[in-house]
Protein backbone atom coordinates (compact mmCIF):
# COMPACT_ATOMS: atom_id res chain seq x y z
CA MET A 1 105.10 135.16 54.73
CA ARG A 2 104.43 131.40 54.35
CA LEU A 3 102.76 129.96 57.45
CA LEU A 4 102.58 126.23 58.15
CA ILE A 5 100.00 125.25 60.81
CA ILE A 6 100.47 121.86 62.43
CA GLY A 7 97.64 120.16 64.34
CA SER A 8 93.98 120.87 64.96
CA LEU A 9 94.46 123.42 67.75
CA ASN A 10 91.08 122.41 69.18
CA GLY A 11 89.08 123.86 66.32
CA GLN A 12 90.69 127.29 66.57
CA ILE A 13 92.70 126.62 63.43
CA GLY A 14 90.16 128.23 61.13
CA ALA A 15 90.12 131.53 62.99
CA ALA A 16 93.92 131.67 63.26
CA SER A 17 94.27 130.92 59.55
CA GLN A 18 91.84 133.64 58.53
CA ILE A 19 93.62 136.25 60.68
CA ALA A 20 96.96 135.25 59.23
CA ILE A 21 95.62 135.34 55.67
CA SER A 22 94.13 138.77 56.26
CA ARG A 23 97.59 139.91 57.31
CA GLY A 24 99.07 138.73 54.00
CA ALA A 25 100.28 135.27 54.99
CA LYS A 26 99.98 132.21 52.76
CA VAL A 27 98.70 129.42 54.99
CA SER A 28 98.98 125.66 54.62
CA HIS A 29 97.74 123.11 57.15
CA VAL A 30 98.87 119.61 58.09
CA ASP A 31 97.63 117.28 60.83
CA ASP A 32 100.90 116.14 62.42
CA ILE A 33 104.68 116.44 62.50
CA GLU A 34 105.30 113.68 59.95
CA MET A 35 103.06 115.45 57.45
CA ALA A 36 104.81 118.74 58.21
CA MET A 37 108.24 117.23 57.49
CA ALA A 38 106.94 115.64 54.28
CA SER A 39 105.65 119.05 53.17
CA LEU A 40 108.97 120.75 53.89
CA ARG A 41 110.98 118.01 52.18
CA ALA A 42 108.79 118.41 49.14
CA GLY A 43 109.94 122.00 48.82
CA LYS A 44 106.64 123.68 49.69
CA GLY A 45 108.55 125.78 52.16
CA ALA A 46 107.49 127.88 55.14
CA ASP A 47 108.73 130.94 56.98
CA MET A 48 107.06 130.05 60.26
CA ALA A 49 105.25 127.08 61.81
CA MET A 50 102.46 127.29 64.35
CA ILE A 51 102.03 124.00 66.22
CA ASP A 52 99.53 122.66 68.72
CA VAL A 53 101.24 122.77 72.14
CA ASN A 54 100.08 119.22 72.82
CA LEU A 55 102.13 117.80 69.93
CA PRO A 56 105.75 116.67 70.53
CA ILE A 57 107.41 120.01 69.78
CA LYS A 58 110.87 118.76 70.81
CA ASN A 59 110.67 116.03 68.16
CA LEU A 60 109.80 118.58 65.47
CA VAL A 61 112.65 120.90 66.46
CA SER A 62 115.06 117.96 66.48
CA MET A 63 113.96 116.76 63.06
CA LEU A 64 114.23 120.26 61.59
CA SER A 65 117.73 120.62 63.00
CA GLY A 66 118.76 117.18 61.75
CA GLU A 67 117.69 118.06 58.19
CA ARG A 68 119.08 121.63 58.38
CA ILE A 69 115.67 123.24 57.90
CA ASN A 70 115.66 126.67 59.50
CA LEU A 71 112.08 127.23 60.57
CA PRO A 72 110.89 129.25 63.62
CA VAL A 73 108.29 127.31 65.62
CA ILE A 74 105.47 129.02 67.51
CA ALA A 75 103.55 126.90 70.00
CA CYS A 76 99.77 127.53 70.33
CA GLY A 77 97.21 126.35 72.82
CA VAL A 78 93.71 126.93 74.16
CA ASN A 79 93.36 127.71 77.87
CA THR A 80 96.89 126.44 78.39
CA ASP A 81 98.59 126.88 81.75
CA ALA A 82 101.92 128.56 82.20
CA THR A 83 103.73 125.27 82.72
CA ALA A 84 102.75 123.94 79.26
CA ALA A 85 103.80 127.22 77.68
CA ALA A 86 107.17 127.15 79.46
CA ASN A 87 107.73 123.52 78.44
CA ALA A 88 107.05 124.44 74.83
CA ILE A 89 109.72 127.16 74.99
CA ARG A 90 112.18 124.74 76.59
CA ALA A 91 111.43 122.26 73.79
CA GLY A 92 112.61 124.80 71.22
CA ALA A 93 109.55 126.93 70.38
CA LYS A 94 110.40 130.59 69.82
CA GLU A 95 107.13 131.91 71.28
CA PHE A 96 103.85 130.75 72.79
CA LEU A 97 100.63 132.10 71.31
CA PRO A 98 97.41 131.69 73.35
CA LEU A 99 94.16 130.84 71.59
CA PRO A 100 91.43 131.90 70.82
CA PRO A 101 93.55 134.06 68.53
CA ASP A 102 93.99 137.77 69.09
CA PRO A 103 94.39 139.56 65.73
CA GLU A 104 96.92 142.08 66.99
CA LEU A 105 98.99 139.41 68.72
CA ILE A 106 99.14 137.22 65.62
CA ALA A 107 100.01 140.25 63.52
CA ALA A 108 102.86 141.07 65.92
CA VAL A 109 104.22 137.52 65.76
CA LEU A 110 104.01 137.44 61.95
CA GLU A 111 105.81 140.79 61.74
CA ALA A 112 108.56 139.72 64.12
CA VAL A 113 109.22 136.44 62.32
CA SER A 114 109.08 137.95 58.84
CA GLN A 115 111.66 140.50 60.06
CA GLU A 116 109.73 143.49 58.76
CA ASN A 117 111.47 145.42 61.52
CA ASN A 118 114.66 144.91 59.53
CA LYS A 119 113.39 146.98 56.63
CA LEU A 120 115.80 149.38 55.05
CA VAL A 121 116.27 152.43 57.26
CA PHE A 122 118.55 155.05 55.75
CA ALA A 123 118.98 158.77 55.06
CA ASP A 124 122.66 159.17 54.23
CA PRO A 125 123.38 160.22 50.60
CA ALA A 126 125.91 157.36 50.26
CA MET A 127 123.18 154.81 51.01
CA LYS A 128 120.55 156.63 48.93
CA ASP A 129 122.70 156.11 45.84
CA VAL A 130 122.81 152.36 46.48
CA VAL A 131 119.05 152.13 47.11
CA ASN A 132 118.27 154.16 43.97
CA LEU A 133 120.29 151.71 41.90
CA ALA A 134 118.59 148.79 43.65
CA GLU A 135 115.14 150.14 42.82
CA GLN A 136 116.15 150.65 39.21
CA ILE A 137 117.29 147.04 38.73
CA ALA A 138 114.75 145.35 41.04
CA PRO A 139 112.07 144.64 38.36
CA SER A 140 114.55 142.75 36.15
CA SER A 141 115.61 139.13 36.53
CA ALA A 142 119.31 140.00 36.35
CA SER A 143 121.63 138.40 38.84
CA VAL A 144 122.91 140.81 41.51
CA LEU A 145 126.04 140.71 43.63
CA ILE A 146 125.82 142.61 46.93
CA ASN A 147 129.18 143.43 48.44
CA GLY A 148 129.90 144.95 51.84
CA GLU A 149 131.49 144.42 55.22
CA THR A 150 129.95 142.10 57.78
CA GLY A 151 126.85 143.63 59.37
CA THR A 152 126.20 146.30 56.71
CA GLY A 153 122.80 144.83 55.82
CA LYS A 154 123.43 142.75 52.69
CA GLU A 155 120.64 140.28 53.39
CA VAL A 156 118.21 143.11 54.12
CA MET A 157 119.14 144.69 50.79
CA ALA A 158 118.54 141.35 49.07
CA SER A 159 115.09 141.10 50.65
CA TYR A 160 114.39 144.68 49.55
CA LEU A 161 115.32 143.80 45.95
CA HIS A 162 112.96 140.81 46.03
CA SER A 163 110.08 142.79 47.51
CA HIS A 164 110.41 145.38 44.73
CA SER A 165 110.73 142.81 41.94
CA ASN A 166 108.20 141.17 39.66
CA ARG A 167 108.69 138.03 41.76
CA ALA A 168 107.60 139.62 45.04
CA ASP A 169 104.63 137.24 45.42
CA LYS A 170 106.92 134.21 45.01
CA PRO A 171 109.31 132.65 47.53
CA PHE A 172 112.38 134.41 48.82
CA VAL A 173 114.76 131.65 49.96
CA CYS A 174 118.10 132.19 51.69
CA VAL A 175 121.11 129.87 51.93
CA ASN A 176 124.08 130.78 54.10
CA CYS A 177 126.97 129.17 52.25
CA ALA A 178 129.33 129.70 55.18
CA ALA A 179 127.08 128.04 57.77
CA ILE A 180 126.50 124.71 56.03
CA PRO A 181 129.24 122.04 55.99
CA GLU A 182 130.92 121.73 52.60
CA ASN A 183 129.80 118.12 52.09
CA LEU A 184 126.16 119.02 52.70
CA LEU A 185 125.85 122.26 50.74
CA GLU A 186 125.26 120.54 47.39
CA SER A 187 122.28 118.65 48.84
CA GLU A 188 121.02 121.83 50.48
CA LEU A 189 121.06 123.67 47.16
CA PHE A 190 120.00 120.99 44.72
CA GLY A 191 118.18 118.45 46.91
CA HIS A 192 118.69 114.70 47.00
CA GLU A 193 116.92 111.44 46.37
CA LYS A 194 116.23 108.89 49.07
CA GLY A 195 119.31 106.81 49.76
CA ALA A 196 121.63 109.11 47.83
CA PHE A 197 123.99 109.14 50.87
CA THR A 198 124.02 108.11 54.50
CA GLY A 199 121.29 109.98 56.28
CA ALA A 200 119.16 110.64 53.16
CA ILE A 201 116.07 109.02 54.66
CA ALA A 202 113.69 110.55 52.12
CA ARG A 203 113.69 112.66 48.99
CA ARG A 204 114.50 116.29 49.87
CA ILE A 205 113.79 119.19 47.55
CA GLY A 206 116.65 121.68 47.55
CA LYS A 207 116.62 125.44 47.81
CA PHE A 208 116.72 125.92 44.07
CA GLU A 209 113.41 124.12 43.63
CA GLU A 210 111.92 125.67 46.77
CA ALA A 211 112.65 129.12 45.34
CA ASN A 212 111.24 128.25 41.89
CA GLY A 213 109.56 131.32 40.44
CA GLY A 214 111.09 133.56 43.08
CA THR A 215 114.49 134.62 44.36
CA LEU A 216 117.37 132.60 45.80
CA LEU A 217 119.86 134.40 48.02
CA LEU A 218 123.30 132.81 48.22
CA ASP A 219 124.71 134.49 51.33
CA GLU A 220 128.54 134.64 51.65
CA ILE A 221 129.03 132.87 48.34
CA SER A 222 132.79 133.33 48.56
CA GLU A 223 132.80 130.46 51.10
CA MET A 224 131.50 127.96 48.56
CA ASP A 225 133.87 125.18 47.49
CA ILE A 226 135.24 125.80 44.01
CA GLN A 227 134.08 122.39 42.72
CA LEU A 228 130.49 123.14 43.75
CA GLN A 229 130.82 126.52 42.03
CA ALA A 230 131.00 124.66 38.71
CA LYS A 231 127.61 123.01 39.38
CA LEU A 232 126.18 126.34 40.46
CA LEU A 233 127.38 127.93 37.23
CA ARG A 234 125.64 125.22 35.19
CA ALA A 235 122.43 125.75 37.15
CA ILE A 236 122.48 129.46 36.47
CA GLN A 237 123.40 129.16 32.79
CA GLU A 238 121.13 126.28 31.82
CA LYS A 239 118.36 126.84 34.40
CA VAL A 240 118.38 123.18 35.37
CA ILE A 241 119.67 121.38 38.43
CA ASP A 242 120.49 117.76 39.28
CA ARG A 243 119.43 116.38 42.63
CA VAL A 244 122.13 114.38 44.41
CA GLY A 245 121.45 110.77 43.38
CA GLY A 246 118.94 111.93 40.77
CA SER A 247 118.71 110.58 37.24
CA LYS A 248 117.26 113.51 35.30
CA PRO A 249 117.64 117.29 35.27
CA VAL A 250 115.02 119.46 36.94
CA PRO A 251 114.16 122.85 35.34
CA VAL A 252 114.10 125.90 37.63
CA ASP A 253 113.20 129.53 37.12
CA ILE A 254 114.81 131.75 39.79
CA ARG A 255 116.64 134.98 40.22
CA ILE A 256 120.01 134.71 41.92
CA ILE A 257 121.23 137.28 44.42
CA ALA A 258 124.63 136.65 45.98
CA THR A 259 126.40 138.43 48.84
CA SER A 260 130.01 138.53 49.92
CA ASN A 261 132.06 140.46 52.46
CA ARG A 262 135.18 139.73 50.39
CA ASP A 263 136.41 141.21 47.11
CA LEU A 264 135.57 138.38 44.70
CA ALA A 265 138.03 139.73 42.14
CA GLU A 266 140.77 139.04 44.68
CA ALA A 267 139.30 135.57 45.32
CA VAL A 268 139.50 134.93 41.55
CA ALA A 269 143.16 136.00 41.58
CA GLU A 270 143.76 133.62 44.50
CA LYS A 271 142.00 130.85 42.48
CA THR A 272 139.41 130.24 45.20
CA PHE A 273 136.56 131.61 43.09
CA ARG A 274 135.67 130.93 39.46
CA GLU A 275 135.97 133.94 37.17
CA ASP A 276 133.17 132.72 34.88
CA LEU A 277 130.84 132.41 37.90
CA LEU A 278 131.72 135.93 38.98
CA PHE A 279 130.81 137.25 35.53
CA ARG A 280 127.46 135.45 35.77
CA LEU A 281 126.69 136.80 39.23
CA ASN A 282 127.66 140.43 38.96
CA VAL A 283 125.47 141.61 36.11
CA VAL A 284 124.92 144.43 38.61
CA THR A 285 126.96 144.98 41.78
CA LEU A 286 125.54 146.82 44.79
CA LYS A 287 128.29 147.91 47.13
CA ILE A 288 126.97 148.85 50.55
CA PRO A 289 129.27 151.38 52.27
CA PRO A 290 130.31 150.66 55.86
CA LEU A 291 128.43 152.47 58.59
CA ARG A 292 131.41 154.68 59.49
CA GLN A 293 131.05 156.26 56.04
CA ARG A 294 127.31 156.94 56.61
CA PRO A 295 127.18 159.42 59.53
CA VAL A 296 123.55 160.43 58.81
CA ASP A 297 122.50 156.77 58.97
CA ILE A 298 124.14 156.35 62.37
CA GLU A 299 121.71 158.91 63.69
CA VAL A 300 118.52 157.61 62.03
CA LEU A 301 119.33 153.97 62.73
CA SER A 302 120.08 154.74 66.38
CA GLN A 303 116.69 156.43 66.75
CA HIS A 304 114.98 153.56 64.90
CA PHE A 305 116.54 150.92 67.16
CA ALA A 306 115.87 152.95 70.31
CA LYS A 307 112.15 153.00 69.46
CA LYS A 308 112.14 149.35 68.40
CA TYR A 309 113.66 148.03 71.60
CA ALA A 310 111.75 150.37 73.89
CA ASP A 311 108.53 149.06 72.31
CA SER A 312 109.58 145.41 72.41
CA ASN A 313 110.54 145.67 76.10
CA GLY A 314 107.40 147.53 77.12
CA LEU A 315 109.33 150.69 77.96
CA SER A 316 108.53 154.35 77.36
CA GLU A 317 110.16 156.08 74.41
CA ARG A 318 113.90 156.57 74.81
CA ARG A 319 115.47 159.81 73.59
CA ILE A 320 119.16 159.85 72.57
CA ASP A 321 120.89 162.96 73.90
CA GLU A 322 123.72 164.86 72.23
CA SER A 323 126.51 163.29 74.28
CA ALA A 324 125.37 159.78 73.35
CA MET A 325 124.91 160.69 69.68
CA ALA A 326 128.35 162.28 69.53
CA LYS A 327 129.84 159.09 70.97
CA LEU A 328 127.94 156.96 68.47
CA LYS A 329 129.10 159.03 65.53
CA LEU A 330 132.78 158.72 66.53
CA ASN A 331 132.68 154.94 66.92
CA PRO A 332 134.32 153.11 63.95
CA TRP A 333 131.57 150.40 64.03
CA LYS A 334 133.59 147.41 62.92
CA GLY A 335 130.40 145.33 63.14
CA ASN A 336 128.42 147.99 61.27
CA VAL A 337 124.61 148.07 61.60
CA ARG A 338 124.52 144.81 63.54
CA GLU A 339 126.92 146.17 66.16
CA LEU A 340 125.04 149.47 66.35
CA GLU A 341 121.73 147.66 66.87
CA ASN A 342 123.17 145.64 69.78
CA THR A 343 124.66 148.78 71.29
CA ILE A 344 121.36 150.66 71.19
CA HIS A 345 119.43 147.64 72.52
CA ARG A 346 121.87 147.56 75.43
CA ALA A 347 121.56 151.32 75.96
CA VAL A 348 117.75 151.14 76.07
CA LEU A 349 118.00 148.59 78.90
CA LEU A 350 120.76 150.31 80.84
CA CYS A 351 119.89 153.99 80.60
CA GLN A 352 118.58 155.81 83.64
CA GLY A 353 115.16 157.34 82.95
CA ASP A 354 113.86 158.09 79.46
CA THR A 355 117.08 159.54 78.04
CA ILE A 356 120.03 157.62 76.62
CA THR A 357 123.21 159.46 77.63
CA GLY A 358 126.83 158.78 76.73
CA GLU A 359 127.21 156.72 79.88
CA ALA A 360 124.75 154.13 78.51
CA ILE A 361 126.80 153.52 75.36
CA LEU A 362 128.70 150.49 76.59
CA MET A 363 130.35 147.26 75.50
CA PRO A 364 128.52 143.93 76.06
CA ASP A 365 130.40 143.35 79.33
CA GLY A 366 129.42 146.78 80.63
CA SER A 367 132.79 148.41 80.02
CA ALA A 368 133.23 151.68 78.17
CA THR A 369 133.21 151.61 74.37
CA PRO A 370 136.60 151.60 72.62
CA SER A 371 138.41 154.91 72.34
CA ASN A 372 137.29 157.03 69.43
CA GLN A 373 140.73 158.60 69.21
CA THR A 374 141.44 157.16 65.77
CA ALA A 375 138.27 158.61 64.26
CA SER A 376 138.89 161.93 65.99
CA ALA A 377 142.43 162.03 64.75
CA GLU A 378 141.43 161.32 61.16
CA ASN A 379 138.84 164.08 61.30
CA GLY A 380 141.35 166.44 62.90
CA VAL A 381 144.06 165.73 60.30
CA ALA A 382 141.57 166.29 57.50
CA ALA A 383 140.49 169.57 59.04
CA THR A 384 144.09 170.69 59.51
CA ALA A 385 144.91 169.86 55.91
CA ALA A 386 141.83 171.71 54.65
CA GLY A 387 142.73 174.84 56.59
CA ALA A 388 146.43 174.83 55.88
CA GLY A 389 146.17 176.82 52.66
CA SER A 390 148.90 176.62 50.08
CA LEU A 391 151.94 174.53 50.95
CA VAL A 392 154.04 176.12 48.24
CA GLY A 393 157.36 177.40 49.60
CA ARG A 394 157.40 175.17 52.67
CA LYS A 395 160.01 172.47 53.19
CA VAL A 396 158.87 168.83 53.03
CA ALA A 397 160.44 168.17 56.42
CA ASP A 398 158.42 170.98 58.00
CA VAL A 399 155.18 169.81 56.45
CA GLU A 400 155.91 166.27 57.63
CA LYS A 401 156.64 167.53 61.14
CA ASP A 402 153.35 169.46 61.33
CA LEU A 403 151.43 166.44 60.07
CA ILE A 404 153.01 164.11 62.61
CA LEU A 405 152.57 166.48 65.55
CA ASN A 406 148.97 167.34 64.63
CA THR A 407 148.12 163.66 64.28
CA LEU A 408 149.76 162.90 67.60
CA ASP A 409 147.89 165.73 69.27
CA HIS A 410 144.56 164.50 67.96
CA CYS A 411 145.44 161.01 69.22
CA PHE A 412 145.93 162.50 72.68
CA GLY A 413 149.59 161.45 72.55
CA ASN A 414 148.93 157.81 71.76
CA ARG A 415 151.90 156.76 69.64
CA THR A 416 150.38 153.53 68.36
CA HIS A 417 147.21 155.16 67.04
CA ALA A 418 149.16 157.98 65.45
CA ALA A 419 151.54 155.59 63.69
CA ASN A 420 148.60 153.59 62.32
CA ILE A 421 146.93 156.70 60.90
CA LEU A 422 150.16 158.02 59.40
CA GLY A 423 150.98 154.67 57.85
CA ILE A 424 154.41 154.42 59.41
CA SER A 425 155.94 152.02 61.93
CA ILE A 426 156.02 152.87 65.62
CA ARG A 427 159.82 152.76 65.45
CA THR A 428 159.87 155.40 62.69
CA LEU A 429 157.47 157.59 64.65
CA ARG A 430 159.60 157.38 67.80
CA ASN A 431 162.74 158.29 65.85
CA LYS A 432 160.99 161.34 64.32
CA LEU A 433 159.71 162.48 67.70
CA LYS A 434 163.18 162.17 69.23
CA LEU A 435 164.61 164.42 66.49
CA TYR A 436 161.86 167.00 67.12
CA SER A 437 162.38 166.81 70.88
CA ASP A 438 166.16 167.30 70.49
CA ASP A 439 165.38 170.45 68.49
CA GLY A 440 163.39 171.78 71.43
CA VAL A 441 159.90 171.01 70.08
CA ASN A 442 157.24 170.31 72.71
CA ILE A 443 156.00 166.72 72.09
CA PRO A 444 152.50 165.73 73.29
CA ALA A 445 152.71 163.51 76.35
CA ALA A 446 152.15 159.78 75.72
CA THR A 447 148.77 158.41 76.82
CA GLY A 448 147.17 155.03 76.40
CA ASP A 449 150.53 153.28 75.89
CA ASN A 450 152.81 153.35 78.92
CA ARG A 451 155.71 151.79 77.06
CA TYR A 452 156.55 155.20 75.56
CA GLN A 453 157.79 158.20 77.49
CA ALA A 454 156.59 161.74 76.88
CA ARG A 455 159.77 162.63 75.11
CA ALA A 456 159.89 159.42 73.03
């Protein structure tokens, strides 16, 4: 945690600094906003800023936004009234911290901002295999590619790698390649000299230099323009970068971790990603399985988030009952851990009493969660296949009929879901069902799709 303190804070700065240092933070201090911006542009970096509430916080937030510097701002004040605190929040501060400093309060703020609550929480064997590999390669300086669906925890895994590496005491700097406009990403990565382009009002040190000695995370690297990929490849191979508008190379020593929710091999085939860059990045690949393939993690993560959000909202401990857990385990979790976290946060706030029941597992608008019929059907088909014994001697048509009818039964008659699971068109499914019905077979009634009749 790198903490930048801005202003005098009426002499309380020393005490606040000592508390932060005792909690493991590296503290730097500047007198005003202009000095703070100069420090950040120089690549000294910070993970959080604490600013005197009497300074123009809105100006600082605006300047940070204008130069694409992502820095949480915490306002601080001595004997400050509620109005000043509220105004600081309206100006863009994330929190207000009263002074004289309370050690536990400062510790809580540091923990929240450093996202220690996002530490790896897992128990499923599928995830244990990935973490074991991560721990094995963490001490090296090898580049790592982390692949996985959106919300699986790729950035958390990258942070875990850094914290277990030989660079753990050095900066861990993140760049979201998808969130920065294409024409600004080069400057964000490599920095620029004053006057290099319109809006370059001062020299700005890029993320490569800011991360020098530590780790640079290139999040969603598949979104990077292919021309910029060539410059990135040179930086990785030669360990030097060129600032935009600069006249001489700048040496850097960093470890690169990249993440992607796409298959980069496919991107190479589509000619949107350089093959030589892929070879440089994936010395080791960590593939994080989606949450639906980690049933044990659904349980431990749900309990973790229930405790986290009960604590953060000042509520008593929330227990997740069997009906809620069963519902959670059947959900396909397209948004993975991120979606699960939001769902549990919502359940903590909406549940009646100290127990989270199935009724509290809701969508953001308060409606019921999507049907878990697909997941149930897949489980049911697998179970049917496992218990079917030998198929030798049976006709293919009979086996096909049993598979279709069992799948339809487990989909509660929903033709669309059944067709999706079986990998056939809805038209093909309807034709098959009509043949079975004409032979006198009892077809499960259609539900969830009124376009189809029971005998369709």
